[in-house]
């Protein structure tokens, strides 16, 4: 027996020629330090790492990673380079 459900309307998003959405449309209301945290959380999730695992790989205290992800601690160049190396991405993503 099939369940009858209402189809939810899907949100349409403006696409560029490549089908990608400009990051400003998604994160436009974020402040710079919160964008850094969102980038860090996303990169960590993409690699399938916990904060503890990343802290060991990058030699950064886990508490500091939590603060960075939540926009309570800035990400400097030295830390960004450690994170970039551990997450296999350019450190410039975090600056």
N, C-alpha and C. Protein backbone atom coordinates (compact mmCIF):
# COMPACT_ATOMS: atom_id res chain seq x y z
N UNK A 1 0.83 -1.18 0.00
CA UNK A 1 0.00 0.00 0.00
C UNK A 1 0.88 1.24 0.00
N UNK A 2 0.56 2.19 -0.82
CA UNK A 2 1.33 3.41 -0.91
C UNK A 2 0.80 4.45 0.05
N UNK A 3 1.70 5.13 0.69
CA UNK A 3 1.29 6.22 1.57
C UNK A 3 1.08 7.48 0.75
N UNK A 4 0.04 8.18 1.04
CA UNK A 4 -0.22 9.43 0.34
C UNK A 4 0.37 10.58 1.14
N UNK A 5 1.27 11.28 0.54
CA UNK A 5 1.89 12.42 1.21
C UNK A 5 1.84 13.62 0.31
N UNK A 6 1.82 14.77 0.93
CA UNK A 6 1.88 16.00 0.15
C UNK A 6 3.33 16.25 -0.24
N UNK A 7 3.51 16.64 -1.44
CA UNK A 7 4.85 16.96 -1.89
C UNK A 7 5.19 18.37 -1.43
N UNK A 8 6.31 18.50 -0.76
CA UNK A 8 6.73 19.82 -0.31
C UNK A 8 7.34 20.58 -1.48
N UNK A 9 7.03 21.85 -1.58
CA UNK A 9 7.65 22.63 -2.66
C UNK A 9 9.15 22.75 -2.42
N UNK A 10 9.91 22.60 -3.46
CA UNK A 10 11.35 22.73 -3.33
C UNK A 10 11.74 24.17 -3.59
N UNK A 11 12.75 24.61 -2.86
CA UNK A 11 13.24 25.96 -3.07
C UNK A 11 14.13 25.97 -4.30
N UNK A 12 13.90 26.93 -5.13
CA UNK A 12 14.77 27.07 -6.29
C UNK A 12 15.89 28.02 -5.92
N UNK A 13 17.04 27.73 -6.40
CA UNK A 13 18.17 28.60 -6.11
C UNK A 13 18.77 29.08 -7.42
N UNK A 14 19.20 30.32 -7.42
CA UNK A 14 19.81 30.83 -8.64
C UNK A 14 21.12 30.12 -8.91
N UNK A 15 21.30 29.66 -10.09
CA UNK A 15 22.52 28.93 -10.44
C UNK A 15 23.37 29.78 -11.37
N UNK A 16 24.66 29.57 -11.25
CA UNK A 16 25.59 30.20 -12.17
C UNK A 16 25.76 29.25 -13.34
N UNK A 17 26.62 29.59 -14.26
CA UNK A 17 26.84 28.72 -15.43
C UNK A 17 27.29 27.32 -15.02
N UNK A 18 27.98 27.20 -13.90
CA UNK A 18 28.49 25.90 -13.46
C UNK A 18 27.49 25.16 -12.57
N UNK A 19 26.38 25.81 -12.25
CA UNK A 19 25.40 25.18 -11.37
C UNK A 19 25.69 25.42 -9.90
N UNK A 20 26.70 26.21 -9.59
CA UNK A 20 27.06 26.50 -8.21
C UNK A 20 26.36 27.77 -7.74
N UNK A 21 26.19 27.87 -6.45
CA UNK A 21 25.60 29.06 -5.85
C UNK A 21 26.72 29.87 -5.22
N UNK A 22 26.65 31.17 -5.40
CA UNK A 22 27.65 32.05 -4.80
C UNK A 22 27.58 31.94 -3.28
N UNK A 23 28.71 31.87 -2.62
CA UNK A 23 28.74 31.67 -1.18
C UNK A 23 28.07 32.81 -0.43
N UNK A 24 28.07 34.01 -1.00
CA UNK A 24 27.47 35.15 -0.32
C UNK A 24 25.95 34.99 -0.19
N UNK A 25 25.36 34.26 -1.12
CA UNK A 25 23.92 34.02 -1.04
C UNK A 25 23.58 33.09 0.12
N UNK A 26 24.48 32.19 0.44
CA UNK A 26 24.23 31.23 1.51
C UNK A 26 24.68 31.79 2.86
N UNK A 27 25.85 32.42 2.89
CA UNK A 27 26.42 32.88 4.15
C UNK A 27 26.49 34.40 4.25
N UNK A 28 25.69 35.11 3.50
CA UNK A 28 25.76 36.57 3.46
C UNK A 28 25.61 37.25 4.81
N UNK A 29 24.81 36.68 5.71
CA UNK A 29 24.56 37.32 6.99
C UNK A 29 25.61 36.97 8.05
N UNK A 30 26.56 36.12 7.71
CA UNK A 30 27.59 35.72 8.68
C UNK A 30 28.64 36.81 8.81
N UNK A 31 29.17 36.96 10.01
CA UNK A 31 30.32 37.84 10.22
C UNK A 31 31.56 37.04 9.86
N UNK A 32 32.68 37.74 9.61
CA UNK A 32 33.89 37.08 9.15
C UNK A 32 34.34 35.94 10.05
N UNK A 33 34.39 36.16 11.37
CA UNK A 33 34.87 35.10 12.26
C UNK A 33 33.92 33.90 12.28
N UNK A 34 32.64 34.13 12.03
CA UNK A 34 31.71 33.00 11.98
C UNK A 34 31.83 32.25 10.65
N UNK A 35 32.20 32.96 9.59
CA UNK A 35 32.45 32.28 8.31
C UNK A 35 33.64 31.34 8.44
N UNK A 36 34.68 31.80 9.15
CA UNK A 36 35.84 30.94 9.37
C UNK A 36 35.43 29.68 10.10
N UNK A 37 34.59 29.82 11.11
CA UNK A 37 34.13 28.66 11.88
C UNK A 37 33.29 27.72 11.04
N UNK A 38 32.44 28.28 10.19
CA UNK A 38 31.61 27.45 9.31
C UNK A 38 32.48 26.70 8.31
N UNK A 39 33.52 27.37 7.80
CA UNK A 39 34.44 26.72 6.86
C UNK A 39 35.19 25.58 7.55
N UNK A 40 35.62 25.82 8.78
CA UNK A 40 36.34 24.79 9.54
C UNK A 40 35.42 23.60 9.82
N UNK A 41 34.22 23.86 10.29
CA UNK A 41 33.29 22.77 10.59
C UNK A 41 32.97 21.96 9.33
N UNK A 42 32.75 22.66 8.22
CA UNK A 42 32.44 21.97 6.97
C UNK A 42 33.59 21.13 6.46
N UNK A 43 34.81 21.68 6.53
CA UNK A 43 35.99 20.94 6.07
C UNK A 43 36.24 19.71 6.94
N UNK A 44 36.03 19.87 8.24
CA UNK A 44 36.22 18.74 9.16
C UNK A 44 35.19 17.66 8.89
N UNK A 45 33.95 18.07 8.68
CA UNK A 45 32.89 17.10 8.40
C UNK A 45 33.13 16.39 7.07
N UNK A 46 33.62 17.13 6.08
CA UNK A 46 33.90 16.54 4.77
C UNK A 46 34.94 15.43 4.88
N UNK A 47 35.91 15.61 5.75
CA UNK A 47 36.94 14.60 5.96
C UNK A 47 36.49 13.51 6.93
N UNK A 48 35.33 13.68 7.54
CA UNK A 48 34.80 12.66 8.45
C UNK A 48 35.55 12.60 9.77
N UNK A 49 36.03 13.74 10.24
CA UNK A 49 36.81 13.78 11.47
C UNK A 49 36.03 14.39 12.62
N UNK A 50 36.29 13.90 13.81
CA UNK A 50 35.76 14.55 15.01
C UNK A 50 36.71 15.68 15.39
N UNK A 51 36.27 16.53 16.28
CA UNK A 51 37.16 17.60 16.75
C UNK A 51 38.40 16.99 17.42
N UNK A 52 38.21 15.94 18.16
CA UNK A 52 39.34 15.30 18.85
C UNK A 52 40.35 14.75 17.84
N UNK A 53 39.86 14.09 16.79
CA UNK A 53 40.76 13.55 15.77
C UNK A 53 41.53 14.67 15.07
N UNK A 54 40.82 15.75 14.72
CA UNK A 54 41.48 16.88 14.06
C UNK A 54 42.47 17.54 14.99
N UNK A 55 42.15 17.63 16.26
CA UNK A 55 43.07 18.25 17.21
C UNK A 55 44.38 17.47 17.29
N UNK A 56 44.29 16.16 17.20
CA UNK A 56 45.50 15.34 17.22
C UNK A 56 46.30 15.48 15.93
N UNK A 57 45.60 15.52 14.79
CA UNK A 57 46.28 15.67 13.50
C UNK A 57 46.97 17.02 13.36
N UNK A 58 46.30 18.07 13.84
CA UNK A 58 46.81 19.43 13.65
C UNK A 58 47.60 19.94 14.86
N UNK A 59 47.64 19.15 15.93
CA UNK A 59 48.32 19.54 17.16
C UNK A 59 47.76 20.86 17.70
N UNK A 60 46.44 20.92 17.79
CA UNK A 60 45.72 22.08 18.31
C UNK A 60 44.76 21.54 19.37
N UNK A 61 44.68 22.18 20.54
CA UNK A 61 43.76 21.69 21.58
C UNK A 61 42.31 21.61 21.07
N UNK A 62 41.62 20.56 21.45
CA UNK A 62 40.24 20.34 21.00
C UNK A 62 39.34 21.50 21.42
N UNK A 63 39.56 22.04 22.59
CA UNK A 63 38.76 23.17 23.06
C UNK A 63 38.92 24.39 22.16
N UNK A 64 40.12 24.59 21.65
CA UNK A 64 40.36 25.71 20.73
C UNK A 64 39.61 25.49 19.42
N UNK A 65 39.59 24.25 18.93
CA UNK A 65 38.84 23.96 17.71
C UNK A 65 37.35 24.27 17.90
N UNK A 66 36.81 23.88 19.04
CA UNK A 66 35.41 24.16 19.33
C UNK A 66 35.16 25.67 19.32
N UNK A 67 36.03 26.42 19.96
CA UNK A 67 35.88 27.87 20.00
C UNK A 67 35.99 28.49 18.61
N UNK A 68 36.89 27.95 17.78
CA UNK A 68 37.04 28.45 16.41
C UNK A 68 35.78 28.17 15.60
N UNK A 69 35.26 26.96 15.71
CA UNK A 69 34.06 26.59 14.96
C UNK A 69 32.85 27.43 15.37
N UNK A 70 32.82 27.86 16.62
CA UNK A 70 31.70 28.65 17.12
C UNK A 70 31.94 30.15 17.06
N UNK A 71 33.02 30.56 16.39
CA UNK A 71 33.30 31.97 16.19
C UNK A 71 33.77 32.71 17.43
N UNK A 72 34.23 31.97 18.43
CA UNK A 72 34.69 32.59 19.67
C UNK A 72 36.20 32.76 19.72
N UNK A 73 36.89 32.19 18.76
CA UNK A 73 38.35 32.30 18.69
C UNK A 73 38.72 32.49 17.23
N UNK A 74 39.53 33.51 16.94
CA UNK A 74 39.94 33.73 15.54
C UNK A 74 40.92 32.66 15.07
N UNK A 75 40.99 32.47 13.77
CA UNK A 75 41.93 31.52 13.18
C UNK A 75 43.05 32.33 12.54
N UNK A 76 44.23 32.27 13.12
CA UNK A 76 45.38 32.98 12.59
C UNK A 76 46.07 32.19 11.49
N UNK A 77 47.09 32.80 10.89
CA UNK A 77 47.78 32.18 9.76
C UNK A 77 48.45 30.87 10.15
N UNK A 78 49.13 30.84 11.28
CA UNK A 78 49.85 29.62 11.69
C UNK A 78 48.87 28.48 11.92
N UNK A 79 47.78 28.76 12.62
CA UNK A 79 46.78 27.73 12.89
C UNK A 79 46.09 27.32 11.58
N UNK A 80 45.80 28.30 10.72
CA UNK A 80 45.17 27.99 9.43
C UNK A 80 46.04 27.04 8.61
N UNK A 81 47.35 27.22 8.65
CA UNK A 81 48.26 26.33 7.90
C UNK A 81 48.23 24.93 8.48
N UNK A 82 48.18 24.81 9.80
CA UNK A 82 48.08 23.49 10.44
C UNK A 82 46.78 22.80 10.04
N UNK A 83 45.69 23.57 10.07
CA UNK A 83 44.38 23.01 9.73
C UNK A 83 44.32 22.61 8.26
N UNK A 84 44.85 23.46 7.39
CA UNK A 84 44.86 23.16 5.96
C UNK A 84 45.61 21.88 5.66
N UNK A 85 46.75 21.72 6.30
CA UNK A 85 47.54 20.51 6.08
C UNK A 85 46.80 19.27 6.58
N UNK A 86 46.19 19.37 7.76
CA UNK A 86 45.48 18.23 8.34
C UNK A 86 44.21 17.88 7.55
N UNK A 87 43.59 18.89 6.93
CA UNK A 87 42.32 18.67 6.23
C UNK A 87 42.48 18.57 4.71
N UNK A 88 43.71 18.62 4.24
CA UNK A 88 44.01 18.49 2.81
C UNK A 88 43.35 19.57 1.95
N UNK A 89 43.34 20.79 2.46
CA UNK A 89 42.82 21.92 1.69
C UNK A 89 43.74 23.12 1.88
N UNK A 90 43.53 24.14 1.09
CA UNK A 90 44.33 25.35 1.20
C UNK A 90 44.03 26.05 2.52
N UNK A 91 45.08 26.51 3.19
CA UNK A 91 44.89 27.21 4.46
C UNK A 91 44.14 28.53 4.27
N UNK A 92 44.13 29.05 3.05
CA UNK A 92 43.51 30.33 2.77
C UNK A 92 41.99 30.30 2.95
N UNK A 93 41.43 29.10 2.97
CA UNK A 93 40.00 28.93 3.20
C UNK A 93 39.61 29.50 4.56
N UNK A 94 40.50 29.46 5.52
CA UNK A 94 40.21 29.85 6.89
C UNK A 94 40.53 31.30 7.19
N UNK A 95 41.08 32.02 6.23
CA UNK A 95 41.47 33.42 6.46
C UNK A 95 40.52 34.40 5.85
